[in-house]
Amino acid sequence: MKDGLLIFQKNAELGKVKTRLAATLGDQAAFEVYGQLVQYTHSVASPCHAQKILFFSNFPEGDLSEYPANYRFELQSGKGLGEKMRNAFQLLFDEKFDRLVIIGTDCAEITSEHISAAFEKLGTNDVVIGPAEDGGYYLLGMRIFIPGLFEGIPWSTDQVTSLTKEYLTRNEISFTLLPTLSDVDLEEDWERVKDKFKS
């Protein structure tokens, strides 16, 4: 079984990451929070048995040695988030991956167990969704390429998960859900989880 874990990661640039958080915390604090979230994401991804494919948003970072040796690096391609995700899934399904799961770097509640459960659920379902409290999703997995999941979705709105489920139901595609978790987008989100990042 050839499994892949896709990690979609914005390049860490001051003033360009966690912009909604920066509106109240300031650019520097938001930048530092983002760095902690990225580090956390890779720590929970690390135990996963799947091949890790890190998709940077704009450019390959200069020092890739900080990442585990078994990482592969790619660049996101496409105009919007939906097109970028669709292209990433298509690239890897074309390489004969059997099961693919994608995560971002915004969820401080995701665990290694959630990722493992996603792959396990793909043993009996075509799609698995990890819904976020804000109506989006923190994880999406599939065992067959379904380009329709990335079309006609108003990204970064509270309709993403509901419309995704509607599409799957309408097309009689089997899916299941993981527990609902919260992303870190606003200051109150960070206040709720920041204690787990204290050393």
N, C-alpha and C. Protein backbone atom coordinates (compact mmCIF):
# COMPACT_ATOMS: atom_id res chain seq x y z
N MET A 1 0.85 -1.20 0.00
CA MET A 1 0.00 0.00 0.00
C MET A 1 0.88 1.25 0.00
N LYS A 2 0.72 2.08 -1.00
CA LYS A 2 1.52 3.29 -1.13
C LYS A 2 0.71 4.49 -0.63
N ASP A 3 1.07 4.98 0.55
CA ASP A 3 0.34 6.08 1.18
C ASP A 3 1.15 7.37 1.16
N GLY A 4 0.47 8.49 1.00
CA GLY A 4 1.14 9.79 1.00
C GLY A 4 0.44 10.78 1.92
N LEU A 5 1.22 11.50 2.70
CA LEU A 5 0.69 12.58 3.54
C LEU A 5 1.17 13.89 2.95
N LEU A 6 0.23 14.67 2.42
CA LEU A 6 0.53 15.97 1.83
C LEU A 6 0.42 17.03 2.91
N ILE A 7 1.43 17.87 3.02
CA ILE A 7 1.41 18.97 3.98
C ILE A 7 1.49 20.27 3.19
N PHE A 8 0.41 21.04 3.23
CA PHE A 8 0.37 22.33 2.54
C PHE A 8 0.86 23.40 3.51
N GLN A 9 1.95 24.07 3.14
CA GLN A 9 2.59 25.00 4.06
C GLN A 9 2.93 26.31 3.37
N LYS A 10 2.45 27.42 3.93
CA LYS A 10 2.83 28.73 3.42
C LYS A 10 4.28 29.01 3.79
N ASN A 11 5.01 29.61 2.88
CA ASN A 11 6.37 30.04 3.22
C ASN A 11 6.30 31.08 4.33
N ALA A 12 7.18 30.95 5.31
CA ALA A 12 7.17 31.83 6.47
C ALA A 12 7.77 33.19 6.11
N GLU A 13 6.88 34.14 5.82
CA GLU A 13 7.31 35.49 5.48
C GLU A 13 6.57 36.48 6.38
N LEU A 14 7.32 37.35 7.03
CA LEU A 14 6.73 38.32 7.95
C LEU A 14 5.68 39.17 7.23
N GLY A 15 4.51 39.25 7.83
CA GLY A 15 3.43 40.04 7.27
C GLY A 15 2.57 39.30 6.26
N LYS A 16 2.94 38.04 5.96
CA LYS A 16 2.19 37.28 4.96
C LYS A 16 1.58 35.99 5.50
N VAL A 17 1.80 35.72 6.78
CA VAL A 17 1.22 34.52 7.39
C VAL A 17 0.34 34.92 8.57
N LYS A 18 -0.71 34.13 8.79
CA LYS A 18 -1.66 34.36 9.89
C LYS A 18 -2.10 35.83 9.92
N THR A 19 -2.59 36.32 8.80
CA THR A 19 -2.93 37.75 8.70
C THR A 19 -4.10 38.15 9.59
N ARG A 20 -5.05 37.25 9.78
CA ARG A 20 -6.17 37.58 10.67
C ARG A 20 -5.70 37.65 12.12
N LEU A 21 -4.76 36.80 12.46
CA LEU A 21 -4.16 36.84 13.80
C LEU A 21 -3.34 38.11 13.97
N ALA A 22 -2.64 38.48 12.90
CA ALA A 22 -1.79 39.67 12.95
C ALA A 22 -2.60 40.95 13.14
N ALA A 23 -3.86 40.92 12.74
CA ALA A 23 -4.70 42.11 12.88
C ALA A 23 -4.84 42.55 14.33
N THR A 24 -4.73 41.60 15.26
CA THR A 24 -4.83 41.96 16.69
C THR A 24 -3.51 41.76 17.44
N LEU A 25 -2.71 40.79 17.01
CA LEU A 25 -1.45 40.52 17.72
C LEU A 25 -0.25 41.26 17.13
N GLY A 26 -0.36 41.69 15.88
CA GLY A 26 0.77 42.30 15.20
C GLY A 26 1.50 41.28 14.35
N ASP A 27 2.21 41.77 13.33
CA ASP A 27 2.87 40.89 12.37
C ASP A 27 3.91 39.98 13.01
N GLN A 28 4.74 40.52 13.90
CA GLN A 28 5.82 39.73 14.48
C GLN A 28 5.29 38.59 15.34
N ALA A 29 4.30 38.90 16.20
CA ALA A 29 3.73 37.86 17.06
C ALA A 29 3.04 36.78 16.23
N ALA A 30 2.32 37.20 15.19
CA ALA A 30 1.63 36.24 14.33
C ALA A 30 2.64 35.35 13.60
N PHE A 31 3.75 35.95 13.18
CA PHE A 31 4.82 35.22 12.52
C PHE A 31 5.39 34.14 13.45
N GLU A 32 5.58 34.50 14.72
CA GLU A 32 6.11 33.55 15.70
C GLU A 32 5.12 32.44 16.00
N VAL A 33 3.84 32.79 16.09
CA VAL A 33 2.81 31.78 16.29
C VAL A 33 2.81 30.81 15.12
N TYR A 34 2.90 31.35 13.93
CA TYR A 34 2.90 30.50 12.73
C TYR A 34 4.06 29.50 12.78
N GLY A 35 5.23 29.99 13.18
CA GLY A 35 6.38 29.10 13.29
C GLY A 35 6.15 27.96 14.26
N GLN A 36 5.48 28.26 15.37
CA GLN A 36 5.17 27.21 16.35
C GLN A 36 4.17 26.21 15.80
N LEU A 37 3.17 26.70 15.06
CA LEU A 37 2.18 25.81 14.47
C LEU A 37 2.80 24.89 13.43
N VAL A 38 3.71 25.45 12.62
CA VAL A 38 4.40 24.64 11.61
C VAL A 38 5.22 23.54 12.29
N GLN A 39 5.96 23.92 13.30
CA GLN A 39 6.79 22.95 14.02
C GLN A 39 5.92 21.85 14.63
N TYR A 40 4.80 22.26 15.21
CA TYR A 40 3.89 21.29 15.81
C TYR A 40 3.33 20.33 14.76
N THR A 41 2.93 20.88 13.61
CA THR A 41 2.37 20.05 12.55
C THR A 41 3.35 18.95 12.13
N HIS A 42 4.62 19.31 11.97
CA HIS A 42 5.61 18.31 11.55
C HIS A 42 5.89 17.30 12.66
N SER A 43 5.73 17.72 13.91
CA SER A 43 5.95 16.77 15.01
C SER A 43 4.85 15.71 15.05
N VAL A 44 3.61 16.08 14.71
CA VAL A 44 2.54 15.08 14.71
C VAL A 44 2.54 14.27 13.40
N ALA A 45 3.08 14.86 12.34
CA ALA A 45 3.16 14.12 11.07
C ALA A 45 4.27 13.08 11.10
N SER A 46 5.30 13.35 11.86
CA SER A 46 6.50 12.51 11.85
C SER A 46 6.25 11.02 12.08
N PRO A 47 5.42 10.63 13.08
CA PRO A 47 5.23 9.19 13.32
C PRO A 47 4.43 8.48 12.23
N CYS A 48 3.77 9.22 11.36
CA CYS A 48 2.93 8.63 10.33
C CYS A 48 3.77 7.77 9.38
N HIS A 49 3.25 6.60 9.04
CA HIS A 49 3.99 5.66 8.19
C HIS A 49 4.09 6.14 6.75
N ALA A 50 3.22 7.05 6.34
CA ALA A 50 3.14 7.45 4.93
C ALA A 50 4.34 8.30 4.50
N GLN A 51 4.58 8.31 3.20
CA GLN A 51 5.56 9.24 2.61
C GLN A 51 5.06 10.66 2.84
N LYS A 52 5.92 11.55 3.35
CA LYS A 52 5.52 12.95 3.56
C LYS A 52 5.95 13.79 2.37
N ILE A 53 4.99 14.51 1.80
CA ILE A 53 5.27 15.40 0.68
C ILE A 53 4.88 16.81 1.12
N LEU A 54 5.87 17.65 1.31
CA LEU A 54 5.65 19.03 1.77
C LEU A 54 5.53 19.95 0.56
N PHE A 55 4.36 20.56 0.43
CA PHE A 55 4.10 21.49 -0.67
C PHE A 55 4.22 22.93 -0.17
N PHE A 56 5.32 23.60 -0.53
CA PHE A 56 5.48 25.01 -0.18
C PHE A 56 4.58 25.88 -1.06
N SER A 57 4.18 27.03 -0.53
CA SER A 57 3.25 27.89 -1.26
C SER A 57 3.93 28.62 -2.42
N ASN A 58 5.17 29.08 -2.22
CA ASN A 58 5.79 29.95 -3.23
C ASN A 58 7.17 29.52 -3.70
N PHE A 59 8.00 29.04 -2.80
CA PHE A 59 9.37 28.72 -3.18
C PHE A 59 9.95 27.69 -2.21
N PRO A 60 10.91 26.89 -2.65
CA PRO A 60 11.57 25.95 -1.73
C PRO A 60 12.41 26.75 -0.73
N GLU A 61 12.28 26.44 0.52
CA GLU A 61 13.05 27.17 1.53
C GLU A 61 14.54 26.82 1.40
N GLY A 62 15.37 27.77 1.78
CA GLY A 62 16.81 27.62 1.60
C GLY A 62 17.41 26.44 2.34
N ASP A 63 17.01 26.25 3.60
CA ASP A 63 17.59 25.18 4.40
C ASP A 63 16.53 24.11 4.65
N LEU A 64 16.61 23.05 3.89
CA LEU A 64 15.65 21.97 4.04
C LEU A 64 16.15 20.88 4.99
N SER A 65 17.36 21.06 5.51
CA SER A 65 17.96 20.04 6.36
C SER A 65 17.25 19.92 7.71
N GLU A 66 16.45 20.96 8.06
CA GLU A 66 15.74 20.91 9.34
C GLU A 66 14.58 19.91 9.30
N TYR A 67 14.18 19.52 8.09
CA TYR A 67 13.09 18.56 7.96
C TYR A 67 13.63 17.14 7.99
N PRO A 68 12.79 16.18 8.40
CA PRO A 68 13.25 14.79 8.43
C PRO A 68 13.75 14.32 7.06
N ALA A 69 14.63 13.35 7.08
CA ALA A 69 15.28 12.89 5.86
C ALA A 69 14.31 12.26 4.87
N ASN A 70 13.16 11.77 5.36
CA ASN A 70 12.24 11.07 4.47
C ASN A 70 11.20 12.00 3.84
N TYR A 71 11.42 13.31 3.93
CA TYR A 71 10.50 14.27 3.32
C TYR A 71 10.82 14.46 1.84
N ARG A 72 9.78 14.71 1.08
CA ARG A 72 9.90 15.11 -0.32
C ARG A 72 9.32 16.51 -0.44
N PHE A 73 9.88 17.33 -1.31
CA PHE A 73 9.47 18.74 -1.40
C PHE A 73 8.94 19.07 -2.79
N GLU A 74 7.81 19.77 -2.79
CA GLU A 74 7.17 20.19 -4.03
C GLU A 74 6.69 21.63 -3.85
N LEU A 75 6.28 22.24 -4.96
CA LEU A 75 5.66 23.57 -4.91
C LEU A 75 4.19 23.45 -5.28
N GLN A 76 3.35 24.20 -4.58
CA GLN A 76 1.94 24.25 -4.94
C GLN A 76 1.81 24.91 -6.31
N SER A 77 0.89 24.40 -7.12
CA SER A 77 0.66 24.99 -8.44
C SER A 77 -0.83 25.20 -8.66
N GLY A 78 -1.17 26.35 -9.24
CA GLY A 78 -2.58 26.67 -9.46
C GLY A 78 -2.90 28.05 -8.94
N LYS A 79 -4.11 28.51 -9.21
CA LYS A 79 -4.49 29.87 -8.84
C LYS A 79 -5.02 29.96 -7.42
N GLY A 80 -6.10 29.26 -7.12
CA GLY A 80 -6.68 29.30 -5.79
C GLY A 80 -6.39 28.03 -5.02
N LEU A 81 -6.86 27.99 -3.77
CA LEU A 81 -6.60 26.84 -2.91
C LEU A 81 -7.15 25.55 -3.51
N GLY A 82 -8.37 25.60 -4.05
CA GLY A 82 -8.96 24.40 -4.61
C GLY A 82 -8.14 23.83 -5.75
N GLU A 83 -7.71 24.70 -6.65
CA GLU A 83 -6.91 24.25 -7.79
C GLU A 83 -5.56 23.71 -7.33
N LYS A 84 -4.99 24.35 -6.32
CA LYS A 84 -3.69 23.89 -5.81
C LYS A 84 -3.80 22.50 -5.19
N MET A 85 -4.87 22.29 -4.41
CA MET A 85 -5.05 20.97 -3.81
C MET A 85 -5.35 19.91 -4.87
N ARG A 86 -6.21 20.25 -5.82
CA ARG A 86 -6.55 19.31 -6.88
C ARG A 86 -5.29 18.89 -7.65
N ASN A 87 -4.45 19.86 -7.98
CA ASN A 87 -3.23 19.56 -8.72
C ASN A 87 -2.27 18.68 -7.92
N ALA A 88 -2.21 18.93 -6.61
CA ALA A 88 -1.33 18.13 -5.76
C ALA A 88 -1.81 16.68 -5.69
N PHE A 89 -3.11 16.50 -5.50
CA PHE A 89 -3.66 15.15 -5.46
C PHE A 89 -3.46 14.45 -6.80
N GLN A 90 -3.71 15.17 -7.89
CA GLN A 90 -3.58 14.55 -9.21
C GLN A 90 -2.14 14.11 -9.47
N LEU A 91 -1.18 14.96 -9.09
CA LEU A 91 0.23 14.63 -9.27
C LEU A 91 0.57 13.30 -8.62
N LEU A 92 0.10 13.11 -7.39
CA LEU A 92 0.48 11.92 -6.64
C LEU A 92 -0.35 10.70 -7.02
N PHE A 93 -1.62 10.90 -7.34
CA PHE A 93 -2.39 9.75 -7.83
C PHE A 93 -1.83 9.26 -9.17
N ASP A 94 -1.33 10.19 -9.98
CA ASP A 94 -0.69 9.80 -11.24
C ASP A 94 0.57 8.97 -10.99
N GLU A 95 1.15 9.14 -9.80
CA GLU A 95 2.34 8.35 -9.42
C GLU A 95 1.95 7.04 -8.73
N LYS A 96 0.68 6.71 -8.80
CA LYS A 96 0.16 5.43 -8.29
C LYS A 96 0.14 5.33 -6.77
N PHE A 97 -0.01 6.46 -6.09
CA PHE A 97 -0.28 6.38 -4.66
C PHE A 97 -1.67 5.78 -4.47
N ASP A 98 -1.85 4.99 -3.41
CA ASP A 98 -3.13 4.33 -3.15
C ASP A 98 -4.04 5.17 -2.27
N ARG A 99 -3.47 5.80 -1.25
CA ARG A 99 -4.26 6.63 -0.33
C ARG A 99 -3.49 7.92 -0.05
N LEU A 100 -4.20 9.03 -0.14
CA LEU A 100 -3.58 10.33 0.08
C LEU A 100 -4.38 11.13 1.09
N VAL A 101 -3.67 11.76 2.01
CA VAL A 101 -4.29 12.62 3.03
C VAL A 101 -3.57 13.95 3.01
N ILE A 102 -4.34 15.05 3.04
CA ILE A 102 -3.74 16.38 3.06
C ILE A 102 -4.10 17.10 4.35
N ILE A 103 -3.12 17.80 4.90
CA ILE A 103 -3.33 18.66 6.07
C ILE A 103 -2.66 20.00 5.81
N GLY A 104 -3.06 21.00 6.58
CA GLY A 104 -2.39 22.29 6.54
C GLY A 104 -1.54 22.45 7.78
N THR A 105 -1.27 23.69 8.15
CA THR A 105 -0.43 23.94 9.34
C THR A 105 -1.14 24.88 10.32
N ASP A 106 -2.47 24.86 10.30
CA ASP A 106 -3.25 25.79 11.13
C ASP A 106 -3.90 25.15 12.35
N CYS A 107 -3.83 23.83 12.47
CA CYS A 107 -4.58 23.14 13.51
C CYS A 107 -3.67 22.70 14.65
N ALA A 108 -3.89 23.30 15.83
CA ALA A 108 -3.08 22.96 17.00
C ALA A 108 -3.68 21.80 17.78
N GLU A 109 -4.82 21.28 17.32
CA GLU A 109 -5.48 20.17 18.02
C GLU A 109 -5.28 18.84 17.31
N ILE A 110 -4.81 18.86 16.08
CA ILE A 110 -4.61 17.61 15.35
C ILE A 110 -3.51 16.79 16.01
N THR A 111 -3.66 15.48 15.99
CA THR A 111 -2.67 14.59 16.59
C THR A 111 -2.25 13.53 15.58
N SER A 112 -1.21 12.81 15.90
CA SER A 112 -0.77 11.71 15.06
C SER A 112 -1.87 10.67 14.91
N GLU A 113 -2.67 10.53 15.98
CA GLU A 113 -3.76 9.55 15.96
C GLU A 113 -4.83 9.94 14.94
N HIS A 114 -5.11 11.24 14.81
CA HIS A 114 -6.08 11.67 13.80
C HIS A 114 -5.60 11.30 12.39
N ILE A 115 -4.32 11.50 12.15
CA ILE A 115 -3.77 11.21 10.82
C ILE A 115 -3.80 9.70 10.55
N SER A 116 -3.42 8.92 11.55
CA SER A 116 -3.46 7.46 11.38
C SER A 116 -4.88 6.97 11.15
N ALA A 117 -5.84 7.56 11.89
CA ALA A 117 -7.24 7.18 11.74
C ALA A 117 -7.75 7.50 10.34
N ALA A 118 -7.27 8.60 9.76
CA ALA A 118 -7.70 8.98 8.42
C ALA A 118 -7.30 7.90 7.41
N PHE A 119 -6.05 7.44 7.48
CA PHE A 119 -5.61 6.39 6.56
C PHE A 119 -6.40 5.10 6.80
N GLU A 120 -6.65 4.80 8.06
CA GLU A 120 -7.40 3.58 8.38
C GLU A 120 -8.81 3.63 7.79
N LYS A 121 -9.46 4.79 7.91
CA LYS A 121 -10.82 4.94 7.40
C LYS A 121 -10.87 4.86 5.88
N LEU A 122 -9.76 5.17 5.23
CA LEU A 122 -9.72 5.06 3.77
C LEU A 122 -9.64 3.60 3.31
N GLY A 123 -9.55 2.69 4.27
CA GLY A 123 -9.61 1.28 3.92
C GLY A 123 -11.01 0.87 3.51
N THR A 124 -12.02 1.59 4.01
CA THR A 124 -13.41 1.22 3.74
C THR A 124 -14.23 2.38 3.18
N ASN A 125 -13.62 3.56 3.01
CA ASN A 125 -14.32 4.72 2.47
C ASN A 125 -13.47 5.37 1.38
N ASP A 126 -14.12 5.99 0.42
CA ASP A 126 -13.39 6.67 -0.64
C ASP A 126 -12.80 7.99 -0.17
N VAL A 127 -13.47 8.62 0.81
CA VAL A 127 -13.06 9.95 1.27
C VAL A 127 -13.18 10.02 2.79
N VAL A 128 -12.27 10.74 3.42
CA VAL A 128 -12.37 11.05 4.84
C VAL A 128 -12.16 12.55 5.01
N ILE A 129 -12.96 13.15 5.90
CA ILE A 129 -12.91 14.60 6.13
C ILE A 129 -12.69 14.85 7.61
N GLY A 130 -11.79 15.76 7.92
CA GLY A 130 -11.62 16.24 9.29
C GLY A 130 -12.21 17.64 9.38
N PRO A 131 -13.45 17.78 9.84
CA PRO A 131 -14.12 19.08 9.84
C PRO A 131 -13.51 20.04 10.87
N ALA A 132 -13.46 21.29 10.52
CA ALA A 132 -13.01 22.33 11.44
C ALA A 132 -14.23 23.07 12.01
N GLU A 133 -14.06 23.62 13.19
CA GLU A 133 -15.16 24.33 13.85
C GLU A 133 -15.71 25.47 13.01
N ASP A 134 -14.86 26.08 12.18
CA ASP A 134 -15.28 27.24 11.41
C ASP A 134 -16.00 26.88 10.10
N GLY A 135 -16.23 25.58 9.89
CA GLY A 135 -16.94 25.16 8.68
C GLY A 135 -16.04 24.68 7.56
N GLY A 136 -14.74 24.86 7.74
CA GLY A 136 -13.78 24.34 6.77
C GLY A 136 -13.38 22.93 7.15
N TYR A 137 -12.22 22.49 6.69
CA TYR A 137 -11.70 21.21 7.17
C TYR A 137 -10.20 21.31 7.38
N TYR A 138 -9.72 20.55 8.37
CA TYR A 138 -8.29 20.54 8.68
C TYR A 138 -7.59 19.36 8.01
N LEU A 139 -8.38 18.43 7.46
CA LEU A 139 -7.82 17.24 6.83
C LEU A 139 -8.80 16.75 5.76
N LEU A 140 -8.25 16.28 4.66
CA LEU A 140 -9.04 15.64 3.62
C LEU A 140 -8.23 14.47 3.08
N GLY A 141 -8.88 13.33 2.96
CA GLY A 141 -8.19 12.17 2.42
C GLY A 141 -9.04 11.46 1.38
N MET A 142 -8.39 10.80 0.43
CA MET A 142 -9.14 10.02 -0.56
C MET A 142 -8.30 8.88 -1.08
N ARG A 143 -9.00 7.84 -1.55
CA ARG A 143 -8.31 6.70 -2.12
C ARG A 143 -8.54 6.61 -3.63
N ILE A 144 -9.35 7.48 -4.16
CA ILE A 144 -9.51 7.64 -5.61
C ILE A 144 -9.51 9.14 -5.88
N PHE A 145 -9.05 9.54 -7.04
CA PHE A 145 -8.97 10.96 -7.36
C PHE A 145 -10.37 11.47 -7.72
N ILE A 146 -10.83 12.48 -6.97
CA ILE A 146 -12.16 13.04 -7.17
C ILE A 146 -12.01 14.55 -7.39
N PRO A 147 -11.75 14.97 -8.63
CA PRO A 147 -11.51 16.40 -8.89
C PRO A 147 -12.70 17.29 -8.55
N GLY A 148 -13.91 16.72 -8.57
CA GLY A 148 -15.10 17.52 -8.26
C GLY A 148 -15.11 18.09 -6.85
N LEU A 149 -14.31 17.51 -5.95
CA LEU A 149 -14.25 18.01 -4.57
C LEU A 149 -13.64 19.40 -4.50
N PHE A 150 -12.97 19.81 -5.56
CA PHE A 150 -12.26 21.08 -5.53
C PHE A 150 -12.88 22.14 -6.44
N GLU A 151 -14.06 21.83 -6.94
CA GLU A 151 -14.72 22.74 -7.87
C GLU A 151 -15.98 23.33 -7.25
N GLY A 152 -16.19 24.63 -7.46
CA GLY A 152 -17.40 25.28 -6.97
C GLY A 152 -17.48 25.44 -5.47
N ILE A 153 -16.35 25.38 -4.79
CA ILE A 153 -16.32 25.54 -3.33
C ILE A 153 -15.84 26.95 -2.98
N PRO A 154 -16.60 27.70 -2.18
CA PRO A 154 -16.13 29.02 -1.73
C PRO A 154 -15.11 28.85 -0.60
N TRP A 155 -13.84 28.76 -0.95
CA TRP A 155 -12.80 28.47 0.03
C TRP A 155 -12.71 29.56 1.10
N SER A 156 -12.26 29.16 2.28
CA SER A 156 -12.13 30.07 3.43
C SER A 156 -13.47 30.63 3.87
N THR A 157 -14.53 29.84 3.70
CA THR A 157 -15.85 30.21 4.23
C THR A 157 -16.36 29.07 5.11
N ASP A 158 -17.51 29.32 5.76
CA ASP A 158 -18.07 28.31 6.64
C ASP A 158 -18.87 27.24 5.88
N GLN A 159 -18.81 27.27 4.55
CA GLN A 159 -19.59 26.31 3.75
C GLN A 159 -18.75 25.17 3.18
N VAL A 160 -17.45 25.22 3.42
CA VAL A 160 -16.55 24.27 2.73
C VAL A 160 -16.91 22.81 3.04
N THR A 161 -17.00 22.46 4.32
CA THR A 161 -17.30 21.08 4.67
C THR A 161 -18.70 20.67 4.26
N SER A 162 -19.68 21.52 4.49
CA SER A 162 -21.06 21.16 4.16
C SER A 162 -21.24 20.94 2.66
N LEU A 163 -20.64 21.80 1.83
CA LEU A 163 -20.75 21.63 0.39
C LEU A 163 -19.97 20.41 -0.10
N THR A 164 -18.86 20.12 0.56
CA THR A 164 -18.09 18.93 0.21
C THR A 164 -18.91 17.67 0.50
N LYS A 165 -19.56 17.63 1.66
CA LYS A 165 -20.39 16.48 2.00
C LYS A 165 -21.58 16.36 1.05
N GLU A 166 -22.16 17.49 0.68
CA GLU A 166 -23.28 17.47 -0.27
C GLU A 166 -22.86 16.87 -1.60
N TYR A 167 -21.69 17.26 -2.07
CA TYR A 167 -21.18 16.74 -3.34
C TYR A 167 -21.00 15.22 -3.26
N LEU A 168 -20.40 14.76 -2.18
CA LEU A 168 -20.15 13.33 -2.02
C LEU A 168 -21.45 12.54 -1.93
N THR A 169 -22.40 13.06 -1.18
CA THR A 169 -23.70 12.39 -1.04
C THR A 169 -24.43 12.34 -2.38
N ARG A 170 -24.43 13.46 -3.08
CA ARG A 170 -25.13 13.55 -4.36
C ARG A 170 -24.55 12.58 -5.39
N ASN A 171 -23.25 12.37 -5.32
CA ASN A 171 -22.58 11.50 -6.28
C ASN A 171 -22.37 10.08 -5.75
N GLU A 172 -22.98 9.79 -4.61
CA GLU A 172 -22.93 8.45 -4.01
C GLU A 172 -21.51 7.95 -3.82
N ILE A 173 -20.67 8.85 -3.30
CA ILE A 173 -19.28 8.52 -2.98
C ILE A 173 -19.18 8.32 -1.47
N SER A 174 -18.64 7.19 -1.06
CA SER A 174 -18.59 6.87 0.37
C SER A 174 -17.59 7.78 1.10
N PHE A 175 -18.00 8.27 2.26
CA PHE A 175 -17.10 9.11 3.06
C PHE A 175 -17.41 8.95 4.53
N THR A 176 -16.47 9.36 5.35
CA THR A 176 -16.64 9.34 6.79
C THR A 176 -15.95 10.56 7.38
N LEU A 177 -16.23 10.84 8.65
CA LEU A 177 -15.73 12.05 9.29
C LEU A 177 -14.83 11.71 10.47
N LEU A 178 -13.83 12.55 10.68
CA LEU A 178 -13.02 12.53 11.90
C LEU A 178 -13.65 13.50 12.89
N PRO A 179 -13.16 13.55 14.13
CA PRO A 179 -13.67 14.53 15.09
C PRO A 179 -13.49 15.96 14.59
N THR A 180 -14.40 16.84 14.98
CA THR A 180 -14.31 18.25 14.63
C THR A 180 -13.27 18.94 15.53
N LEU A 181 -12.33 19.67 14.92
CA LEU A 181 -11.28 20.38 15.65
C LEU A 181 -11.28 21.85 15.25
N SER A 182 -10.49 22.63 15.97
CA SER A 182 -10.42 24.07 15.69
C SER A 182 -9.08 24.44 15.07
N ASP A 183 -9.14 25.30 14.07
CA ASP A 183 -7.93 25.91 13.51
C ASP A 183 -7.57 27.13 14.33
N VAL A 184 -6.34 27.60 14.17
CA VAL A 184 -5.91 28.85 14.81
C VAL A 184 -5.91 29.94 13.74
N ASP A 185 -6.96 30.76 13.77
CA ASP A 185 -7.07 31.86 12.81
C ASP A 185 -7.12 33.22 13.51
N LEU A 186 -7.73 33.25 14.69
CA LEU A 186 -7.93 34.50 15.42
C LEU A 186 -7.24 34.43 16.78
N GLU A 187 -7.14 35.59 17.43
CA GLU A 187 -6.45 35.66 18.72
C GLU A 187 -7.10 34.73 19.74
N GLU A 188 -8.44 34.67 19.75
CA GLU A 188 -9.10 33.81 20.74
C GLU A 188 -8.80 32.33 20.48
N ASP A 189 -8.57 31.96 19.23
CA ASP A 189 -8.17 30.58 18.92
C ASP A 189 -6.82 30.27 19.55
N TRP A 190 -5.90 31.21 19.40
CA TRP A 190 -4.55 31.02 19.93
C TRP A 190 -4.56 31.00 21.45
N GLU A 191 -5.35 31.87 22.06
CA GLU A 191 -5.44 31.91 23.53
C GLU A 191 -5.87 30.57 24.09
N ARG A 192 -6.73 29.89 23.36
CA ARG A 192 -7.27 28.61 23.84
C ARG A 192 -6.23 27.49 23.81
N VAL A 193 -5.26 27.56 22.92
CA VAL A 193 -4.32 26.44 22.75
C VAL A 193 -2.88 26.76 23.10
N LYS A 194 -2.56 28.02 23.36
CA LYS A 194 -1.15 28.42 23.43
C LYS A 194 -0.39 27.75 24.57
N ASP A 195 -1.10 27.33 25.63
CA ASP A 195 -0.40 26.71 26.76
C ASP A 195 0.32 25.43 26.37
N LYS A 196 -0.19 24.72 25.37
CA LYS A 196 0.45 23.46 24.97
C LYS A 196 1.78 23.71 24.28
N PHE A 197 2.06 24.96 23.91
CA PHE A 197 3.31 25.29 23.23
C PHE A 197 4.38 25.82 24.17
N LYS A 198 4.02 25.95 25.44
CA LYS A 198 5.01 26.45 26.40
C LYS A 198 5.99 25.35 26.74
N SER A 199 7.26 25.68 26.71
CA SER A 199 8.29 24.67 26.98
C SER A 199 8.53 24.55 28.48
